[in-house]
Amino acid sequence: GVHNQIEPFLLNALEPLGERRTEI
């Protein structure tokens, strides 16, 4: 029941990419 946290985890991991991380 924690699969919804994958997207926030990826957003944090790709934080150096700035706004482009959302698209990726």
PDBML (XML) file of the C-alpha atoms, coordinates in Angstrom:
<?xml version="1.0" encoding="UTF-8" ?>
<PDBx:datablock datablockName="MODEL"
   xmlns:PDBx="http://pdbml.pdb.org/schema/pdbx-v50.xsd"
   xmlns:xsi="http://www.w3.org/2001/XMLSchema-instance"
   xsi:schemaLocation="http://pdbml.pdb.org/schema/pdbx-v50.xsd pdbx-v50.xsd">
   <PDBx:atom_siteCategory>
      <PDBx:atom_site id="1">
         <PDBx:B_iso_or_equiv>0.00</PDBx:B_iso_or_equiv>
         <PDBx:Cartn_x>0.000</PDBx:Cartn_x>
         <PDBx:Cartn_y>0.000</PDBx:Cartn_y>
         <PDBx:Cartn_z>0.000</PDBx:Cartn_z>
         <PDBx:auth_asym_id>A</PDBx:auth_asym_id>
         <PDBx:auth_atom_id>CA</PDBx:auth_atom_id>
         <PDBx:auth_comp_id>GLY</PDBx:auth_comp_id>
         <PDBx:auth_seq_id>1</PDBx:auth_seq_id>
         <PDBx:group_PDB>ATOM</PDBx:group_PDB>
         <PDBx:label_alt_id xsi:nil="true" />
         <PDBx:label_asym_id>A</PDBx:label_asym_id>
         <PDBx:label_atom_id>CA</PDBx:label_atom_id>
         <PDBx:label_comp_id>GLY</PDBx:label_comp_id>
         <PDBx:label_entity_id>1</PDBx:label_entity_id>
         <PDBx:label_seq_id>1</PDBx:label_seq_id>
         <PDBx:occupancy>1.00</PDBx:occupancy>
         <PDBx:pdbx_PDB_model_num>1</PDBx:pdbx_PDB_model_num>
         <PDBx:type_symbol>C</PDBx:type_symbol>
      </PDBx:atom_site>
      <PDBx:atom_site id="2">
         <PDBx:B_iso_or_equiv>0.00</PDBx:B_iso_or_equiv>
         <PDBx:Cartn_x>2.917</PDBx:Cartn_x>
         <PDBx:Cartn_y>2.432</PDBx:Cartn_y>
         <PDBx:Cartn_z>-0.372</PDBx:Cartn_z>
         <PDBx:auth_asym_id>A</PDBx:auth_asym_id>
         <PDBx:auth_atom_id>CA</PDBx:auth_atom_id>
         <PDBx:auth_comp_id>VAL</PDBx:auth_comp_id>
         <PDBx:auth_seq_id>2</PDBx:auth_seq_id>
         <PDBx:group_PDB>ATOM</PDBx:group_PDB>
         <PDBx:label_alt_id xsi:nil="true" />
         <PDBx:label_asym_id>A</PDBx:label_asym_id>
         <PDBx:label_atom_id>CA</PDBx:label_atom_id>
         <PDBx:label_comp_id>VAL</PDBx:label_comp_id>
         <PDBx:label_entity_id>1</PDBx:label_entity_id>
         <PDBx:label_seq_id>2</PDBx:label_seq_id>
         <PDBx:occupancy>1.00</PDBx:occupancy>
         <PDBx:pdbx_PDB_model_num>1</PDBx:pdbx_PDB_model_num>
         <PDBx:type_symbol>C</PDBx:type_symbol>
      </PDBx:atom_site>
      <PDBx:atom_site id="3">
         <PDBx:B_iso_or_equiv>0.00</PDBx:B_iso_or_equiv>
         <PDBx:Cartn_x>3.257</PDBx:Cartn_x>
         <PDBx:Cartn_y>2.438</PDBx:Cartn_y>
         <PDBx:Cartn_z>-4.173</PDBx:Cartn_z>
         <PDBx:auth_asym_id>A</PDBx:auth_asym_id>
         <PDBx:auth_atom_id>CA</PDBx:auth_atom_id>
         <PDBx:auth_comp_id>HIS</PDBx:auth_comp_id>
         <PDBx:auth_seq_id>3</PDBx:auth_seq_id>
         <PDBx:group_PDB>ATOM</PDBx:group_PDB>
         <PDBx:label_alt_id xsi:nil="true" />
         <PDBx:label_asym_id>A</PDBx:label_asym_id>
         <PDBx:label_atom_id>CA</PDBx:label_atom_id>
         <PDBx:label_comp_id>HIS</PDBx:label_comp_id>
         <PDBx:label_entity_id>1</PDBx:label_entity_id>
         <PDBx:label_seq_id>3</PDBx:label_seq_id>
         <PDBx:occupancy>1.00</PDBx:occupancy>
         <PDBx:pdbx_PDB_model_num>1</PDBx:pdbx_PDB_model_num>
         <PDBx:type_symbol>C</PDBx:type_symbol>
      </PDBx:atom_site>
      <PDBx:atom_site id="4">
         <PDBx:B_iso_or_equiv>0.00</PDBx:B_iso_or_equiv>
         <PDBx:Cartn_x>2.017</PDBx:Cartn_x>
         <PDBx:Cartn_y>6.025</PDBx:Cartn_y>
         <PDBx:Cartn_z>-4.360</PDBx:Cartn_z>
         <PDBx:auth_asym_id>A</PDBx:auth_asym_id>
         <PDBx:auth_atom_id>CA</PDBx:auth_atom_id>
         <PDBx:auth_comp_id>ASN</PDBx:auth_comp_id>
         <PDBx:auth_seq_id>4</PDBx:auth_seq_id>
         <PDBx:group_PDB>ATOM</PDBx:group_PDB>
         <PDBx:label_alt_id xsi:nil="true" />
         <PDBx:label_asym_id>A</PDBx:label_asym_id>
         <PDBx:label_atom_id>CA</PDBx:label_atom_id>
         <PDBx:label_comp_id>ASN</PDBx:label_comp_id>
         <PDBx:label_entity_id>1</PDBx:label_entity_id>
         <PDBx:label_seq_id>4</PDBx:label_seq_id>
         <PDBx:occupancy>1.00</PDBx:occupancy>
         <PDBx:pdbx_PDB_model_num>1</PDBx:pdbx_PDB_model_num>
         <PDBx:type_symbol>C</PDBx:type_symbol>
      </PDBx:atom_site>
      <PDBx:atom_site id="5">
         <PDBx:B_iso_or_equiv>0.00</PDBx:B_iso_or_equiv>
         <PDBx:Cartn_x>5.314</PDBx:Cartn_x>
         <PDBx:Cartn_y>7.182</PDBx:Cartn_y>
         <PDBx:Cartn_z>-2.836</PDBx:Cartn_z>
         <PDBx:auth_asym_id>A</PDBx:auth_asym_id>
         <PDBx:auth_atom_id>CA</PDBx:auth_atom_id>
         <PDBx:auth_comp_id>GLN</PDBx:auth_comp_id>
         <PDBx:auth_seq_id>5</PDBx:auth_seq_id>
         <PDBx:group_PDB>ATOM</PDBx:group_PDB>
         <PDBx:label_alt_id xsi:nil="true" />
         <PDBx:label_asym_id>A</PDBx:label_asym_id>
         <PDBx:label_atom_id>CA</PDBx:label_atom_id>
         <PDBx:label_comp_id>GLN</PDBx:label_comp_id>
         <PDBx:label_entity_id>1</PDBx:label_entity_id>
         <PDBx:label_seq_id>5</PDBx:label_seq_id>
         <PDBx:occupancy>1.00</PDBx:occupancy>
         <PDBx:pdbx_PDB_model_num>1</PDBx:pdbx_PDB_model_num>
         <PDBx:type_symbol>C</PDBx:type_symbol>
      </PDBx:atom_site>
      <PDBx:atom_site id="6">
         <PDBx:B_iso_or_equiv>0.00</PDBx:B_iso_or_equiv>
         <PDBx:Cartn_x>7.362</PDBx:Cartn_x>
         <PDBx:Cartn_y>6.210</PDBx:Cartn_y>
         <PDBx:Cartn_z>-5.903</PDBx:Cartn_z>
         <PDBx:auth_asym_id>A</PDBx:auth_asym_id>
         <PDBx:auth_atom_id>CA</PDBx:auth_atom_id>
         <PDBx:auth_comp_id>ILE</PDBx:auth_comp_id>
         <PDBx:auth_seq_id>6</PDBx:auth_seq_id>
         <PDBx:group_PDB>ATOM</PDBx:group_PDB>
         <PDBx:label_alt_id xsi:nil="true" />
         <PDBx:label_asym_id>A</PDBx:label_asym_id>
         <PDBx:label_atom_id>CA</PDBx:label_atom_id>
         <PDBx:label_comp_id>ILE</PDBx:label_comp_id>
         <PDBx:label_entity_id>1</PDBx:label_entity_id>
         <PDBx:label_seq_id>6</PDBx:label_seq_id>
         <PDBx:occupancy>1.00</PDBx:occupancy>
         <PDBx:pdbx_PDB_model_num>1</PDBx:pdbx_PDB_model_num>
         <PDBx:type_symbol>C</PDBx:type_symbol>
      </PDBx:atom_site>
      <PDBx:atom_site id="7">
         <PDBx:B_iso_or_equiv>0.00</PDBx:B_iso_or_equiv>
         <PDBx:Cartn_x>6.627</PDBx:Cartn_x>
         <PDBx:Cartn_y>9.480</PDBx:Cartn_y>
         <PDBx:Cartn_z>-7.673</PDBx:Cartn_z>
         <PDBx:auth_asym_id>A</PDBx:auth_asym_id>
         <PDBx:auth_atom_id>CA</PDBx:auth_atom_id>
         <PDBx:auth_comp_id>GLU</PDBx:auth_comp_id>
         <PDBx:auth_seq_id>7</PDBx:auth_seq_id>
         <PDBx:group_PDB>ATOM</PDBx:group_PDB>
         <PDBx:label_alt_id xsi:nil="true" />
         <PDBx:label_asym_id>A</PDBx:label_asym_id>
         <PDBx:label_atom_id>CA</PDBx:label_atom_id>
         <PDBx:label_comp_id>GLU</PDBx:label_comp_id>
         <PDBx:label_entity_id>1</PDBx:label_entity_id>
         <PDBx:label_seq_id>7</PDBx:label_seq_id>
         <PDBx:occupancy>1.00</PDBx:occupancy>
         <PDBx:pdbx_PDB_model_num>1</PDBx:pdbx_PDB_model_num>
         <PDBx:type_symbol>C</PDBx:type_symbol>
      </PDBx:atom_site>
      <PDBx:atom_site id="8">
         <PDBx:B_iso_or_equiv>0.00</PDBx:B_iso_or_equiv>
         <PDBx:Cartn_x>7.649</PDBx:Cartn_x>
         <PDBx:Cartn_y>11.736</PDBx:Cartn_y>
         <PDBx:Cartn_z>-4.725</PDBx:Cartn_z>
         <PDBx:auth_asym_id>A</PDBx:auth_asym_id>
         <PDBx:auth_atom_id>CA</PDBx:auth_atom_id>
         <PDBx:auth_comp_id>PRO</PDBx:auth_comp_id>
         <PDBx:auth_seq_id>8</PDBx:auth_seq_id>
         <PDBx:group_PDB>ATOM</PDBx:group_PDB>
         <PDBx:label_alt_id xsi:nil="true" />
         <PDBx:label_asym_id>A</PDBx:label_asym_id>
         <PDBx:label_atom_id>CA</PDBx:label_atom_id>
         <PDBx:label_comp_id>PRO</PDBx:label_comp_id>
         <PDBx:label_entity_id>1</PDBx:label_entity_id>
         <PDBx:label_seq_id>8</PDBx:label_seq_id>
         <PDBx:occupancy>1.00</PDBx:occupancy>
         <PDBx:pdbx_PDB_model_num>1</PDBx:pdbx_PDB_model_num>
         <PDBx:type_symbol>C</PDBx:type_symbol>
      </PDBx:atom_site>
      <PDBx:atom_site id="9">
         <PDBx:B_iso_or_equiv>0.00</PDBx:B_iso_or_equiv>
         <PDBx:Cartn_x>10.774</PDBx:Cartn_x>
         <PDBx:Cartn_y>9.618</PDBx:Cartn_y>
         <PDBx:Cartn_z>-4.287</PDBx:Cartn_z>
         <PDBx:auth_asym_id>A</PDBx:auth_asym_id>
         <PDBx:auth_atom_id>CA</PDBx:auth_atom_id>
         <PDBx:auth_comp_id>PHE</PDBx:auth_comp_id>
         <PDBx:auth_seq_id>9</PDBx:auth_seq_id>
         <PDBx:group_PDB>ATOM</PDBx:group_PDB>
         <PDBx:label_alt_id xsi:nil="true" />
         <PDBx:label_asym_id>A</PDBx:label_asym_id>
         <PDBx:label_atom_id>CA</PDBx:label_atom_id>
         <PDBx:label_comp_id>PHE</PDBx:label_comp_id>
         <PDBx:label_entity_id>1</PDBx:label_entity_id>
         <PDBx:label_seq_id>9</PDBx:label_seq_id>
         <PDBx:occupancy>1.00</PDBx:occupancy>
         <PDBx:pdbx_PDB_model_num>1</PDBx:pdbx_PDB_model_num>
         <PDBx:type_symbol>C</PDBx:type_symbol>
      </PDBx:atom_site>
      <PDBx:atom_site id="10">
         <PDBx:B_iso_or_equiv>0.00</PDBx:B_iso_or_equiv>
         <PDBx:Cartn_x>11.768</PDBx:Cartn_x>
         <PDBx:Cartn_y>10.086</PDBx:Cartn_y>
         <PDBx:Cartn_z>-7.926</PDBx:Cartn_z>
         <PDBx:auth_asym_id>A</PDBx:auth_asym_id>
         <PDBx:auth_atom_id>CA</PDBx:auth_atom_id>
         <PDBx:auth_comp_id>LEU</PDBx:auth_comp_id>
         <PDBx:auth_seq_id>10</PDBx:auth_seq_id>
         <PDBx:group_PDB>ATOM</PDBx:group_PDB>
         <PDBx:label_alt_id xsi:nil="true" />
         <PDBx:label_asym_id>A</PDBx:label_asym_id>
         <PDBx:label_atom_id>CA</PDBx:label_atom_id>
         <PDBx:label_comp_id>LEU</PDBx:label_comp_id>
         <PDBx:label_entity_id>1</PDBx:label_entity_id>
         <PDBx:label_seq_id>10</PDBx:label_seq_id>
         <PDBx:occupancy>1.00</PDBx:occupancy>
         <PDBx:pdbx_PDB_model_num>1</PDBx:pdbx_PDB_model_num>
         <PDBx:type_symbol>C</PDBx:type_symbol>
      </PDBx:atom_site>
      <PDBx:atom_site id="11">
         <PDBx:B_iso_or_equiv>0.00</PDBx:B_iso_or_equiv>
         <PDBx:Cartn_x>11.056</PDBx:Cartn_x>
         <PDBx:Cartn_y>13.808</PDBx:Cartn_y>
         <PDBx:Cartn_z>-7.720</PDBx:Cartn_z>
         <PDBx:auth_asym_id>A</PDBx:auth_asym_id>
         <PDBx:auth_atom_id>CA</PDBx:auth_atom_id>
         <PDBx:auth_comp_id>LEU</PDBx:auth_comp_id>
         <PDBx:auth_seq_id>11</PDBx:auth_seq_id>
         <PDBx:group_PDB>ATOM</PDBx:group_PDB>
         <PDBx:label_alt_id xsi:nil="true" />
         <PDBx:label_asym_id>A</PDBx:label_asym_id>
         <PDBx:label_atom_id>CA</PDBx:label_atom_id>
         <PDBx:label_comp_id>LEU</PDBx:label_comp_id>
         <PDBx:label_entity_id>1</PDBx:label_entity_id>
         <PDBx:label_seq_id>11</PDBx:label_seq_id>
         <PDBx:occupancy>1.00</PDBx:occupancy>
         <PDBx:pdbx_PDB_model_num>1</PDBx:pdbx_PDB_model_num>
         <PDBx:type_symbol>C</PDBx:type_symbol>
      </PDBx:atom_site>
      <PDBx:atom_site id="12">
         <PDBx:B_iso_or_equiv>0.00</PDBx:B_iso_or_equiv>
         <PDBx:Cartn_x>13.410</PDBx:Cartn_x>
         <PDBx:Cartn_y>14.104</PDBx:Cartn_y>
         <PDBx:Cartn_z>-4.747</PDBx:Cartn_z>
         <PDBx:auth_asym_id>A</PDBx:auth_asym_id>
         <PDBx:auth_atom_id>CA</PDBx:auth_atom_id>
         <PDBx:auth_comp_id>ASN</PDBx:auth_comp_id>
         <PDBx:auth_seq_id>12</PDBx:auth_seq_id>
         <PDBx:group_PDB>ATOM</PDBx:group_PDB>
         <PDBx:label_alt_id xsi:nil="true" />
         <PDBx:label_asym_id>A</PDBx:label_asym_id>
         <PDBx:label_atom_id>CA</PDBx:label_atom_id>
         <PDBx:label_comp_id>ASN</PDBx:label_comp_id>
         <PDBx:label_entity_id>1</PDBx:label_entity_id>
         <PDBx:label_seq_id>12</PDBx:label_seq_id>
         <PDBx:occupancy>1.00</PDBx:occupancy>
         <PDBx:pdbx_PDB_model_num>1</PDBx:pdbx_PDB_model_num>
         <PDBx:type_symbol>C</PDBx:type_symbol>
      </PDBx:atom_site>
      <PDBx:atom_site id="13">
         <PDBx:B_iso_or_equiv>0.00</PDBx:B_iso_or_equiv>
         <PDBx:Cartn_x>16.100</PDBx:Cartn_x>
         <PDBx:Cartn_y>11.995</PDBx:Cartn_y>
         <PDBx:Cartn_z>-6.433</PDBx:Cartn_z>
         <PDBx:auth_asym_id>A</PDBx:auth_asym_id>
         <PDBx:auth_atom_id>CA</PDBx:auth_atom_id>
         <PDBx:auth_comp_id>ALA</PDBx:auth_comp_id>
         <PDBx:auth_seq_id>13</PDBx:auth_seq_id>
         <PDBx:group_PDB>ATOM</PDBx:group_PDB>
         <PDBx:label_alt_id xsi:nil="true" />
         <PDBx:label_asym_id>A</PDBx:label_asym_id>
         <PDBx:label_atom_id>CA</PDBx:label_atom_id>
         <PDBx:label_comp_id>ALA</PDBx:label_comp_id>
         <PDBx:label_entity_id>1</PDBx:label_entity_id>
         <PDBx:label_seq_id>13</PDBx:label_seq_id>
         <PDBx:occupancy>1.00</PDBx:occupancy>
         <PDBx:pdbx_PDB_model_num>1</PDBx:pdbx_PDB_model_num>
         <PDBx:type_symbol>C</PDBx:type_symbol>
      </PDBx:atom_site>
      <PDBx:atom_site id="14">
         <PDBx:B_iso_or_equiv>0.00</PDBx:B_iso_or_equiv>
         <PDBx:Cartn_x>15.948</PDBx:Cartn_x>
         <PDBx:Cartn_y>14.165</PDBx:Cartn_y>
         <PDBx:Cartn_z>-9.568</PDBx:Cartn_z>
         <PDBx:auth_asym_id>A</PDBx:auth_asym_id>
         <PDBx:auth_atom_id>CA</PDBx:auth_atom_id>
         <PDBx:auth_comp_id>LEU</PDBx:auth_comp_id>
         <PDBx:auth_seq_id>14</PDBx:auth_seq_id>
         <PDBx:group_PDB>ATOM</PDBx:group_PDB>
         <PDBx:label_alt_id xsi:nil="true" />
         <PDBx:label_asym_id>A</PDBx:label_asym_id>
         <PDBx:label_atom_id>CA</PDBx:label_atom_id>
         <PDBx:label_comp_id>LEU</PDBx:label_comp_id>
         <PDBx:label_entity_id>1</PDBx:label_entity_id>
         <PDBx:label_seq_id>14</PDBx:label_seq_id>
         <PDBx:occupancy>1.00</PDBx:occupancy>
         <PDBx:pdbx_PDB_model_num>1</PDBx:pdbx_PDB_model_num>
         <PDBx:type_symbol>C</PDBx:type_symbol>
      </PDBx:atom_site>
      <PDBx:atom_site id="15">
         <PDBx:B_iso_or_equiv>0.00</PDBx:B_iso_or_equiv>
         <PDBx:Cartn_x>15.703</PDBx:Cartn_x>
         <PDBx:Cartn_y>17.468</PDBx:Cartn_y>
         <PDBx:Cartn_z>-7.710</PDBx:Cartn_z>
         <PDBx:auth_asym_id>A</PDBx:auth_asym_id>
         <PDBx:auth_atom_id>CA</PDBx:auth_atom_id>
         <PDBx:auth_comp_id>GLU</PDBx:auth_comp_id>
         <PDBx:auth_seq_id>15</PDBx:auth_seq_id>
         <PDBx:group_PDB>ATOM</PDBx:group_PDB>
         <PDBx:label_alt_id xsi:nil="true" />
         <PDBx:label_asym_id>A</PDBx:label_asym_id>
         <PDBx:label_atom_id>CA</PDBx:label_atom_id>
         <PDBx:label_comp_id>GLU</PDBx:label_comp_id>
         <PDBx:label_entity_id>1</PDBx:label_entity_id>
         <PDBx:label_seq_id>15</PDBx:label_seq_id>
         <PDBx:occupancy>1.00</PDBx:occupancy>
         <PDBx:pdbx_PDB_model_num>1</PDBx:pdbx_PDB_model_num>
         <PDBx:type_symbol>C</PDBx:type_symbol>
      </PDBx:atom_site>
      <PDBx:atom_site id="16">
         <PDBx:B_iso_or_equiv>0.00</PDBx:B_iso_or_equiv>
         <PDBx:Cartn_x>18.922</PDBx:Cartn_x>
         <PDBx:Cartn_y>18.846</PDBx:Cartn_y>
         <PDBx:Cartn_z>-9.340</PDBx:Cartn_z>
         <PDBx:auth_asym_id>A</PDBx:auth_asym_id>
         <PDBx:auth_atom_id>CA</PDBx:auth_atom_id>
         <PDBx:auth_comp_id>PRO</PDBx:auth_comp_id>
         <PDBx:auth_seq_id>16</PDBx:auth_seq_id>
         <PDBx:group_PDB>ATOM</PDBx:group_PDB>
         <PDBx:label_alt_id xsi:nil="true" />
         <PDBx:label_asym_id>A</PDBx:label_asym_id>
         <PDBx:label_atom_id>CA</PDBx:label_atom_id>
         <PDBx:label_comp_id>PRO</PDBx:label_comp_id>
         <PDBx:label_entity_id>1</PDBx:label_entity_id>
         <PDBx:label_seq_id>16</PDBx:label_seq_id>
         <PDBx:occupancy>1.00</PDBx:occupancy>
         <PDBx:pdbx_PDB_model_num>1</PDBx:pdbx_PDB_model_num>
         <PDBx:type_symbol>C</PDBx:type_symbol>
      </PDBx:atom_site>
      <PDBx:atom_site id="17">
         <PDBx:B_iso_or_equiv>0.00</PDBx:B_iso_or_equiv>
         <PDBx:Cartn_x>17.093</PDBx:Cartn_x>
         <PDBx:Cartn_y>18.801</PDBx:Cartn_y>
         <PDBx:Cartn_z>-12.688</PDBx:Cartn_z>
         <PDBx:auth_asym_id>A</PDBx:auth_asym_id>
         <PDBx:auth_atom_id>CA</PDBx:auth_atom_id>
         <PDBx:auth_comp_id>LEU</PDBx:auth_comp_id>
         <PDBx:auth_seq_id>17</PDBx:auth_seq_id>
         <PDBx:group_PDB>ATOM</PDBx:group_PDB>
         <PDBx:label_alt_id xsi:nil="true" />
         <PDBx:label_asym_id>A</PDBx:label_asym_id>
         <PDBx:label_atom_id>CA</PDBx:label_atom_id>
         <PDBx:label_comp_id>LEU</PDBx:label_comp_id>
         <PDBx:label_entity_id>1</PDBx:label_entity_id>
         <PDBx:label_seq_id>17</PDBx:label_seq_id>
         <PDBx:occupancy>1.00</PDBx:occupancy>
         <PDBx:pdbx_PDB_model_num>1</PDBx:pdbx_PDB_model_num>
         <PDBx:type_symbol>C</PDBx:type_symbol>
      </PDBx:atom_site>
      <PDBx:atom_site id="18">
         <PDBx:B_iso_or_equiv>0.00</PDBx:B_iso_or_equiv>
         <PDBx:Cartn_x>14.764</PDBx:Cartn_x>
         <PDBx:Cartn_y>21.546</PDBx:Cartn_y>
         <PDBx:Cartn_z>-11.473</PDBx:Cartn_z>
         <PDBx:auth_asym_id>A</PDBx:auth_asym_id>
         <PDBx:auth_atom_id>CA</PDBx:auth_atom_id>
         <PDBx:auth_comp_id>GLY</PDBx:auth_comp_id>
         <PDBx:auth_seq_id>18</PDBx:auth_seq_id>
         <PDBx:group_PDB>ATOM</PDBx:group_PDB>
         <PDBx:label_alt_id xsi:nil="true" />
         <PDBx:label_asym_id>A</PDBx:label_asym_id>
         <PDBx:label_atom_id>CA</PDBx:label_atom_id>
         <PDBx:label_comp_id>GLY</PDBx:label_comp_id>
         <PDBx:label_entity_id>1</PDBx:label_entity_id>
         <PDBx:label_seq_id>18</PDBx:label_seq_id>
         <PDBx:occupancy>1.00</PDBx:occupancy>
         <PDBx:pdbx_PDB_model_num>1</PDBx:pdbx_PDB_model_num>
         <PDBx:type_symbol>C</PDBx:type_symbol>
      </PDBx:atom_site>
      <PDBx:atom_site id="19">
         <PDBx:B_iso_or_equiv>0.00</PDBx:B_iso_or_equiv>
         <PDBx:Cartn_x>11.464</PDBx:Cartn_x>
         <PDBx:Cartn_y>21.918</PDBx:Cartn_y>
         <PDBx:Cartn_z>-13.307</PDBx:Cartn_z>
         <PDBx:auth_asym_id>A</PDBx:auth_asym_id>
         <PDBx:auth_atom_id>CA</PDBx:auth_atom_id>
         <PDBx:auth_comp_id>GLU</PDBx:auth_comp_id>
         <PDBx:auth_seq_id>19</PDBx:auth_seq_id>
         <PDBx:group_PDB>ATOM</PDBx:group_PDB>
         <PDBx:label_alt_id xsi:nil="true" />
         <PDBx:label_asym_id>A</PDBx:label_asym_id>
         <PDBx:label_atom_id>CA</PDBx:label_atom_id>
         <PDBx:label_comp_id>GLU</PDBx:label_comp_id>
         <PDBx:label_entity_id>1</PDBx:label_entity_id>
         <PDBx:label_seq_id>19</PDBx:label_seq_id>
         <PDBx:occupancy>1.00</PDBx:occupancy>
         <PDBx:pdbx_PDB_model_num>1</PDBx:pdbx_PDB_model_num>
         <PDBx:type_symbol>C</PDBx:type_symbol>
      </PDBx:atom_site>
      <PDBx:atom_site id="20">
         <PDBx:B_iso_or_equiv>0.00</PDBx:B_iso_or_equiv>
         <PDBx:Cartn_x>12.526</PDBx:Cartn_x>
         <PDBx:Cartn_y>19.347</PDBx:Cartn_y>
         <PDBx:Cartn_z>-15.902</PDBx:Cartn_z>
         <PDBx:auth_asym_id>A</PDBx:auth_asym_id>
         <PDBx:auth_atom_id>CA</PDBx:auth_atom_id>
         <PDBx:auth_comp_id>ARG</PDBx:auth_comp_id>
         <PDBx:auth_seq_id>20</PDBx:auth_seq_id>
         <PDBx:group_PDB>ATOM</PDBx:group_PDB>
         <PDBx:label_alt_id xsi:nil="true" />
         <PDBx:label_asym_id>A</PDBx:label_asym_id>
         <PDBx:label_atom_id>CA</PDBx:label_atom_id>
         <PDBx:label_comp_id>ARG</PDBx:label_comp_id>
         <PDBx:label_entity_id>1</PDBx:label_entity_id>
         <PDBx:label_seq_id>20</PDBx:label_seq_id>
         <PDBx:occupancy>1.00</PDBx:occupancy>
         <PDBx:pdbx_PDB_model_num>1</PDBx:pdbx_PDB_model_num>
         <PDBx:type_symbol>C</PDBx:type_symbol>
      </PDBx:atom_site>
      <PDBx:atom_site id="21">
         <PDBx:B_iso_or_equiv>0.00</PDBx:B_iso_or_equiv>
         <PDBx:Cartn_x>12.275</PDBx:Cartn_x>
         <PDBx:Cartn_y>16.587</PDBx:Cartn_y>
         <PDBx:Cartn_z>-13.327</PDBx:Cartn_z>
         <PDBx:auth_asym_id>A</PDBx:auth_asym_id>
         <PDBx:auth_atom_id>CA</PDBx:auth_atom_id>
         <PDBx:auth_comp_id>ARG</PDBx:auth_comp_id>
         <PDBx:auth_seq_id>21</PDBx:auth_seq_id>
         <PDBx:group_PDB>ATOM</PDBx:group_PDB>
         <PDBx:label_alt_id xsi:nil="true" />
         <PDBx:label_asym_id>A</PDBx:label_asym_id>
         <PDBx:label_atom_id>CA</PDBx:label_atom_id>
         <PDBx:label_comp_id>ARG</PDBx:label_comp_id>
         <PDBx:label_entity_id>1</PDBx:label_entity_id>
         <PDBx:label_seq_id>21</PDBx:label_seq_id>
         <PDBx:occupancy>1.00</PDBx:occupancy>
         <PDBx:pdbx_PDB_model_num>1</PDBx:pdbx_PDB_model_num>
         <PDBx:type_symbol>C</PDBx:type_symbol>
      </PDBx:atom_site>
      <PDBx:atom_site id="22">
         <PDBx:B_iso_or_equiv>0.00</PDBx:B_iso_or_equiv>
         <PDBx:Cartn_x>8.477</PDBx:Cartn_x>
         <PDBx:Cartn_y>16.755</PDBx:Cartn_y>
         <PDBx:Cartn_z>-13.491</PDBx:Cartn_z>
         <PDBx:auth_asym_id>A</PDBx:auth_asym_id>
         <PDBx:auth_atom_id>CA</PDBx:auth_atom_id>
         <PDBx:auth_comp_id>THR</PDBx:auth_comp_id>
         <PDBx:auth_seq_id>22</PDBx:auth_seq_id>
         <PDBx:group_PDB>ATOM</PDBx:group_PDB>
         <PDBx:label_alt_id xsi:nil="true" />
         <PDBx:label_asym_id>A</PDBx:label_asym_id>
         <PDBx:label_atom_id>CA</PDBx:label_atom_id>
         <PDBx:label_comp_id>THR</PDBx:label_comp_id>
         <PDBx:label_entity_id>1</PDBx:label_entity_id>
         <PDBx:label_seq_id>22</PDBx:label_seq_id>
         <PDBx:occupancy>1.00</PDBx:occupancy>
         <PDBx:pdbx_PDB_model_num>1</PDBx:pdbx_PDB_model_num>
         <PDBx:type_symbol>C</PDBx:type_symbol>
      </PDBx:atom_site>
      <PDBx:atom_site id="23">
         <PDBx:B_iso_or_equiv>0.00</PDBx:B_iso_or_equiv>
         <PDBx:Cartn_x>8.506</PDBx:Cartn_x>
         <PDBx:Cartn_y>15.881</PDBx:Cartn_y>
         <PDBx:Cartn_z>-17.194</PDBx:Cartn_z>
         <PDBx:auth_asym_id>A</PDBx:auth_asym_id>
         <PDBx:auth_atom_id>CA</PDBx:auth_atom_id>
         <PDBx:auth_comp_id>GLU</PDBx:auth_comp_id>
         <PDBx:auth_seq_id>23</PDBx:auth_seq_id>
         <PDBx:group_PDB>ATOM</PDBx:group_PDB>
         <PDBx:label_alt_id xsi:nil="true" />
         <PDBx:label_asym_id>A</PDBx:label_asym_id>
         <PDBx:label_atom_id>CA</PDBx:label_atom_id>
         <PDBx:label_comp_id>GLU</PDBx:label_comp_id>
         <PDBx:label_entity_id>1</PDBx:label_entity_id>
         <PDBx:label_seq_id>23</PDBx:label_seq_id>
         <PDBx:occupancy>1.00</PDBx:occupancy>
         <PDBx:pdbx_PDB_model_num>1</PDBx:pdbx_PDB_model_num>
         <PDBx:type_symbol>C</PDBx:type_symbol>
      </PDBx:atom_site>
      <PDBx:atom_site id="24">
         <PDBx:B_iso_or_equiv>0.00</PDBx:B_iso_or_equiv>
         <PDBx:Cartn_x>11.027</PDBx:Cartn_x>
         <PDBx:Cartn_y>13.063</PDBx:Cartn_y>
         <PDBx:Cartn_z>-16.705</PDBx:Cartn_z>
         <PDBx:auth_asym_id>A</PDBx:auth_asym_id>
         <PDBx:auth_atom_id>CA</PDBx:auth_atom_id>
         <PDBx:auth_comp_id>ILE</PDBx:auth_comp_id>
         <PDBx:auth_seq_id>24</PDBx:auth_seq_id>
         <PDBx:group_PDB>ATOM</PDBx:group_PDB>
         <PDBx:label_alt_id xsi:nil="true" />
         <PDBx:label_asym_id>A</PDBx:label_asym_id>
         <PDBx:label_atom_id>CA</PDBx:label_atom_id>
         <PDBx:label_comp_id>ILE</PDBx:label_comp_id>
         <PDBx:label_entity_id>1</PDBx:label_entity_id>
         <PDBx:label_seq_id>24</PDBx:label_seq_id>
         <PDBx:occupancy>1.00</PDBx:occupancy>
         <PDBx:pdbx_PDB_model_num>1</PDBx:pdbx_PDB_model_num>
         <PDBx:type_symbol>C</PDBx:type_symbol>
      </PDBx:atom_site>
   </PDBx:atom_siteCategory>
</PDBx:datablock>
